[in-house]
């Protein structure tokens, strides 16, 4: 079963911009404007990749730290001897105290 994060969403749908469809005929449009728009899109995507890499590195460090803590605690649990439970009092013999109102 796929998790919610593994399912393709709206961000994965191709748009008219990503396909390259334009409303202005190629003869009338300026290549400078298209270059400007595409460079801005490229810069935005590079910034997004950089941010994702930073997040990935932070998550990797956090995962390594958590794994190390799990291994350390597991070793402690494995080394512990079973706890012996001894009953000093029978189950029904509780000390009773009268409360005056």
N, C-alpha and C. Protein backbone atom coordinates (compact mmCIF):
# COMPACT_ATOMS: atom_id res chain seq x y z
N UNK A 1 0.85 -1.18 0.00
CA UNK A 1 0.00 0.00 0.00
C UNK A 1 0.89 1.24 0.00
N UNK A 2 0.61 2.18 -0.87
CA UNK A 2 1.40 3.40 -0.95
C UNK A 2 1.00 4.37 0.15
N UNK A 3 2.01 5.04 0.65
CA UNK A 3 1.74 6.09 1.62
C UNK A 3 1.35 7.36 0.88
N UNK A 4 0.82 8.30 1.61
CA UNK A 4 0.36 9.54 1.01
C UNK A 4 1.50 10.30 0.35
N UNK A 5 2.70 10.24 0.94
CA UNK A 5 3.84 10.96 0.38
C UNK A 5 4.37 10.32 -0.90
N UNK A 6 3.99 9.06 -1.18
CA UNK A 6 4.46 8.37 -2.38
C UNK A 6 3.52 8.54 -3.57
N UNK A 7 2.36 9.12 -3.35
CA UNK A 7 1.39 9.30 -4.41
C UNK A 7 1.67 10.62 -5.14
N UNK A 8 1.64 10.56 -6.46
CA UNK A 8 1.87 11.78 -7.25
C UNK A 8 0.73 12.77 -7.00
N UNK A 9 1.10 14.04 -6.90
CA UNK A 9 0.11 15.06 -6.60
C UNK A 9 0.01 16.09 -7.71
N UNK A 10 -0.54 17.22 -7.37
CA UNK A 10 -0.76 18.30 -8.32
C UNK A 10 0.57 18.82 -8.88
N UNK A 11 1.62 18.78 -8.08
CA UNK A 11 2.91 19.29 -8.53
C UNK A 11 3.50 18.46 -9.68
N UNK A 12 3.01 17.24 -9.87
CA UNK A 12 3.54 16.36 -10.90
C UNK A 12 2.79 16.48 -12.23
N UNK A 13 1.75 17.28 -12.28
CA UNK A 13 0.96 17.44 -13.51
C UNK A 13 1.67 18.44 -14.42
N UNK A 14 1.81 18.08 -15.68
CA UNK A 14 2.45 19.00 -16.62
C UNK A 14 1.47 20.11 -16.97
N UNK A 15 2.00 21.32 -17.04
CA UNK A 15 1.17 22.48 -17.38
C UNK A 15 1.55 22.98 -18.76
N UNK A 16 0.81 23.97 -19.24
CA UNK A 16 1.11 24.56 -20.54
C UNK A 16 2.50 25.20 -20.51
N UNK A 17 2.88 25.72 -19.36
CA UNK A 17 4.20 26.36 -19.23
C UNK A 17 5.31 25.32 -19.35
N UNK A 18 5.15 24.18 -18.68
CA UNK A 18 6.20 23.17 -18.70
C UNK A 18 6.30 22.46 -20.05
N UNK A 19 5.21 22.40 -20.78
CA UNK A 19 5.23 21.77 -22.11
C UNK A 19 5.81 22.72 -23.14
N UNK A 20 5.64 24.02 -22.93
CA UNK A 20 6.17 25.01 -23.86
C UNK A 20 5.13 25.61 -24.77
N UNK A 21 3.87 25.44 -24.46
CA UNK A 21 2.79 26.00 -25.27
C UNK A 21 2.65 27.49 -24.94
N UNK A 22 2.58 28.32 -25.94
CA UNK A 22 2.43 29.76 -25.74
C UNK A 22 1.23 30.27 -26.54
N UNK A 23 0.63 31.33 -26.01
CA UNK A 23 -0.53 31.90 -26.69
C UNK A 23 -0.12 32.84 -27.82
N UNK A 24 1.09 33.36 -27.76
CA UNK A 24 1.58 34.28 -28.80
C UNK A 24 2.28 33.46 -29.89
N UNK A 25 1.98 33.73 -31.13
CA UNK A 25 2.70 33.01 -32.19
C UNK A 25 4.20 33.25 -32.09
N UNK A 26 4.97 32.26 -32.53
CA UNK A 26 6.42 32.31 -32.39
C UNK A 26 7.03 33.51 -33.12
N UNK A 27 6.43 33.94 -34.19
CA UNK A 27 6.96 35.06 -34.97
C UNK A 27 6.85 36.35 -34.17
N UNK A 28 5.79 36.53 -33.38
CA UNK A 28 5.54 37.78 -32.69
C UNK A 28 6.17 37.86 -31.29
N UNK A 29 6.57 36.76 -30.71
CA UNK A 29 7.07 36.83 -29.34
C UNK A 29 8.57 37.11 -29.31
N UNK A 30 8.99 37.64 -28.20
CA UNK A 30 10.38 38.03 -28.03
C UNK A 30 11.16 36.87 -27.40
N UNK A 31 12.26 36.47 -28.02
CA UNK A 31 13.07 35.40 -27.40
C UNK A 31 13.72 35.86 -26.10
N UNK A 32 13.92 37.18 -25.95
CA UNK A 32 14.53 37.71 -24.73
C UNK A 32 13.62 37.49 -23.53
N UNK A 33 12.33 37.72 -23.75
CA UNK A 33 11.37 37.51 -22.66
C UNK A 33 11.33 36.04 -22.27
N UNK A 34 11.32 35.17 -23.26
CA UNK A 34 11.28 33.73 -22.97
C UNK A 34 12.57 33.28 -22.26
N UNK A 35 13.71 33.82 -22.69
CA UNK A 35 14.97 33.51 -22.01
C UNK A 35 14.93 33.97 -20.56
N UNK A 36 14.40 35.17 -20.32
CA UNK A 36 14.30 35.71 -18.98
C UNK A 36 13.41 34.81 -18.10
N UNK A 37 12.27 34.43 -18.62
CA UNK A 37 11.33 33.60 -17.86
C UNK A 37 11.96 32.24 -17.56
N UNK A 38 12.60 31.65 -18.56
CA UNK A 38 13.20 30.33 -18.37
C UNK A 38 14.38 30.38 -17.39
N UNK A 39 15.16 31.45 -17.44
CA UNK A 39 16.27 31.58 -16.49
C UNK A 39 15.76 31.75 -15.06
N UNK A 40 14.68 32.52 -14.92
CA UNK A 40 14.08 32.66 -13.59
C UNK A 40 13.57 31.31 -13.07
N UNK A 41 12.96 30.55 -13.95
CA UNK A 41 12.46 29.22 -13.58
C UNK A 41 13.63 28.31 -13.20
N UNK A 42 14.72 28.37 -13.95
CA UNK A 42 15.90 27.56 -13.65
C UNK A 42 16.49 27.95 -12.31
N UNK A 43 16.60 29.25 -12.04
CA UNK A 43 17.13 29.71 -10.75
C UNK A 43 16.25 29.25 -9.60
N UNK A 44 14.94 29.33 -9.78
CA UNK A 44 14.01 28.89 -8.74
C UNK A 44 14.18 27.40 -8.47
N UNK A 45 14.30 26.61 -9.52
CA UNK A 45 14.46 25.17 -9.35
C UNK A 45 15.79 24.83 -8.68
N UNK A 46 16.84 25.55 -9.02
CA UNK A 46 18.14 25.32 -8.38
C UNK A 46 18.09 25.66 -6.89
N UNK A 47 17.40 26.76 -6.55
CA UNK A 47 17.24 27.12 -5.13
C UNK A 47 16.44 26.04 -4.39
N UNK A 48 15.42 25.52 -5.04
CA UNK A 48 14.59 24.48 -4.43
C UNK A 48 15.41 23.20 -4.21
N UNK A 49 16.23 22.83 -5.19
CA UNK A 49 17.08 21.65 -5.04
C UNK A 49 18.07 21.85 -3.90
N UNK A 50 18.64 23.05 -3.79
CA UNK A 50 19.57 23.35 -2.71
C UNK A 50 18.88 23.21 -1.35
N UNK A 51 17.66 23.75 -1.25
CA UNK A 51 16.91 23.66 0.01
C UNK A 51 16.57 22.20 0.34
N UNK A 52 16.22 21.43 -0.69
CA UNK A 52 15.92 20.02 -0.46
C UNK A 52 17.16 19.24 -0.01
N UNK A 53 18.32 19.57 -0.59
CA UNK A 53 19.56 18.92 -0.17
C UNK A 53 19.89 19.23 1.29
N UNK A 54 19.71 20.50 1.68
CA UNK A 54 19.95 20.87 3.07
C UNK A 54 19.02 20.10 3.99
N UNK A 55 17.75 20.01 3.61
CA UNK A 55 16.76 19.29 4.43
C UNK A 55 17.11 17.80 4.49
N UNK A 56 17.53 17.25 3.35
CA UNK A 56 17.90 15.84 3.31
C UNK A 56 19.08 15.56 4.23
N UNK A 57 20.09 16.44 4.21
CA UNK A 57 21.26 16.26 5.07
C UNK A 57 20.88 16.35 6.55
N UNK A 58 20.01 17.29 6.89
CA UNK A 58 19.56 17.44 8.27
C UNK A 58 18.79 16.19 8.72
N UNK A 59 17.93 15.69 7.85
CA UNK A 59 17.16 14.49 8.19
C UNK A 59 18.06 13.27 8.32
N UNK A 60 19.08 13.19 7.47
CA UNK A 60 20.03 12.08 7.54
C UNK A 60 20.76 12.09 8.88
N UNK A 61 21.22 13.29 9.33
CA UNK A 61 21.89 13.40 10.63
C UNK A 61 20.94 12.99 11.76
N UNK A 62 19.69 13.44 11.67
CA UNK A 62 18.71 13.11 12.70
C UNK A 62 18.44 11.61 12.73
N UNK A 63 18.36 11.00 11.55
CA UNK A 63 18.14 9.55 11.46
C UNK A 63 19.32 8.78 12.04
N UNK A 64 20.54 9.21 11.72
CA UNK A 64 21.73 8.56 12.26
C UNK A 64 21.77 8.67 13.79
N UNK A 65 21.44 9.84 14.30
CA UNK A 65 21.42 10.05 15.74
C UNK A 65 20.39 9.16 16.42
N UNK A 66 19.21 9.07 15.82
CA UNK A 66 18.15 8.23 16.37
C UNK A 66 18.54 6.76 16.32
N UNK A 67 19.16 6.34 15.23
CA UNK A 67 19.61 4.95 15.12
C UNK A 67 20.66 4.62 16.16
N UNK A 68 21.58 5.55 16.39
CA UNK A 68 22.62 5.34 17.40
C UNK A 68 22.00 5.23 18.80
N UNK A 69 21.02 6.07 19.08
CA UNK A 69 20.35 6.01 20.38
C UNK A 69 19.61 4.69 20.55
N UNK A 70 18.96 4.22 19.47
CA UNK A 70 18.23 2.95 19.53
C UNK A 70 19.20 1.80 19.81
N UNK A 71 20.34 1.79 19.11
CA UNK A 71 21.33 0.73 19.32
C UNK A 71 21.87 0.75 20.75
N UNK A 72 22.13 1.95 21.27
CA UNK A 72 22.65 2.08 22.63
C UNK A 72 21.63 1.56 23.65
N UNK A 73 20.38 1.97 23.51
CA UNK A 73 19.34 1.52 24.43
C UNK A 73 19.09 0.02 24.29
N UNK A 74 19.16 -0.50 23.07
CA UNK A 74 18.96 -1.93 22.86
C UNK A 74 20.06 -2.73 23.55
N UNK A 75 21.30 -2.22 23.49
CA UNK A 75 22.41 -2.89 24.17
C UNK A 75 22.20 -2.88 25.68
N UNK A 76 21.70 -1.76 26.21
CA UNK A 76 21.42 -1.70 27.64
C UNK A 76 20.33 -2.68 28.04
N UNK A 77 19.30 -2.77 27.24
CA UNK A 77 18.19 -3.69 27.54
C UNK A 77 18.68 -5.13 27.47
N UNK A 78 19.52 -5.43 26.50
CA UNK A 78 20.04 -6.79 26.36
C UNK A 78 20.94 -7.18 27.53
N UNK A 79 21.66 -6.21 28.10
CA UNK A 79 22.58 -6.50 29.20
C UNK A 79 21.88 -6.61 30.55
N UNK A 80 20.71 -6.04 30.65
CA UNK A 80 20.00 -6.06 31.93
C UNK A 80 19.57 -7.48 32.27
N UNK A 81 19.60 -7.77 33.57
CA UNK A 81 19.10 -9.05 34.03
C UNK A 81 17.60 -8.92 34.25
N UNK A 82 16.91 -10.02 34.15
CA UNK A 82 15.46 -9.93 34.38
C UNK A 82 15.16 -9.39 35.78
N UNK A 83 14.19 -8.55 35.85
CA UNK A 83 13.81 -7.94 37.12
C UNK A 83 12.97 -8.93 37.90
N UNK A 84 13.39 -9.17 39.13
CA UNK A 84 12.64 -10.09 39.98
C UNK A 84 11.63 -9.28 40.77
N UNK A 85 10.41 -9.71 40.70
CA UNK A 85 9.35 -9.04 41.43
C UNK A 85 9.01 -9.89 42.64
N UNK A 86 9.14 -9.31 43.79
CA UNK A 86 8.78 -10.05 45.00
C UNK A 86 7.65 -9.31 45.69
N UNK A 87 6.71 -10.08 46.15
CA UNK A 87 5.57 -9.49 46.84
C UNK A 87 5.84 -9.56 48.34
N UNK A 88 5.92 -8.40 48.94
CA UNK A 88 6.15 -8.37 50.39
C UNK A 88 4.84 -8.51 51.15
N UNK A 89 3.75 -8.13 50.52
CA UNK A 89 2.45 -8.23 51.17
C UNK A 89 1.51 -9.02 50.27
N UNK A 90 0.64 -9.75 50.86
CA UNK A 90 -0.38 -10.42 50.04
C UNK A 90 -1.26 -9.37 49.37
N UNK A 91 -1.89 -9.77 48.31
CA UNK A 91 -2.66 -8.84 47.50
C UNK A 91 -3.79 -8.16 48.26
N UNK A 92 -4.40 -8.80 49.23
CA UNK A 92 -5.56 -8.23 49.89
C UNK A 92 -5.27 -7.51 51.19
N UNK A 93 -4.05 -7.41 51.62
CA UNK A 93 -3.78 -6.82 52.92
C UNK A 93 -3.22 -5.41 52.81
N UNK A 94 -4.06 -4.48 52.46
CA UNK A 94 -3.66 -3.07 52.40
C UNK A 94 -3.92 -2.42 53.75
N UNK A 95 -3.11 -1.45 54.06
CA UNK A 95 -3.29 -0.73 55.30
C UNK A 95 -4.46 0.23 55.13
N UNK A 96 -5.40 0.19 56.07
CA UNK A 96 -6.60 1.00 55.97
C UNK A 96 -6.55 2.10 57.01
N UNK A 97 -6.95 3.30 56.58
CA UNK A 97 -6.95 4.44 57.48
C UNK A 97 -8.34 5.05 57.46
N UNK A 98 -8.88 5.32 58.59
CA UNK A 98 -10.20 5.93 58.68
C UNK A 98 -10.07 7.44 58.52
N UNK A 99 -10.97 8.02 57.76
CA UNK A 99 -10.96 9.47 57.54
C UNK A 99 -12.20 10.06 58.18
N UNK A 100 -11.99 11.01 59.06
CA UNK A 100 -13.11 11.70 59.72
C UNK A 100 -13.42 12.98 58.96
N UNK A 101 -14.71 13.20 58.76
CA UNK A 101 -15.14 14.41 58.05
C UNK A 101 -15.63 15.45 59.03
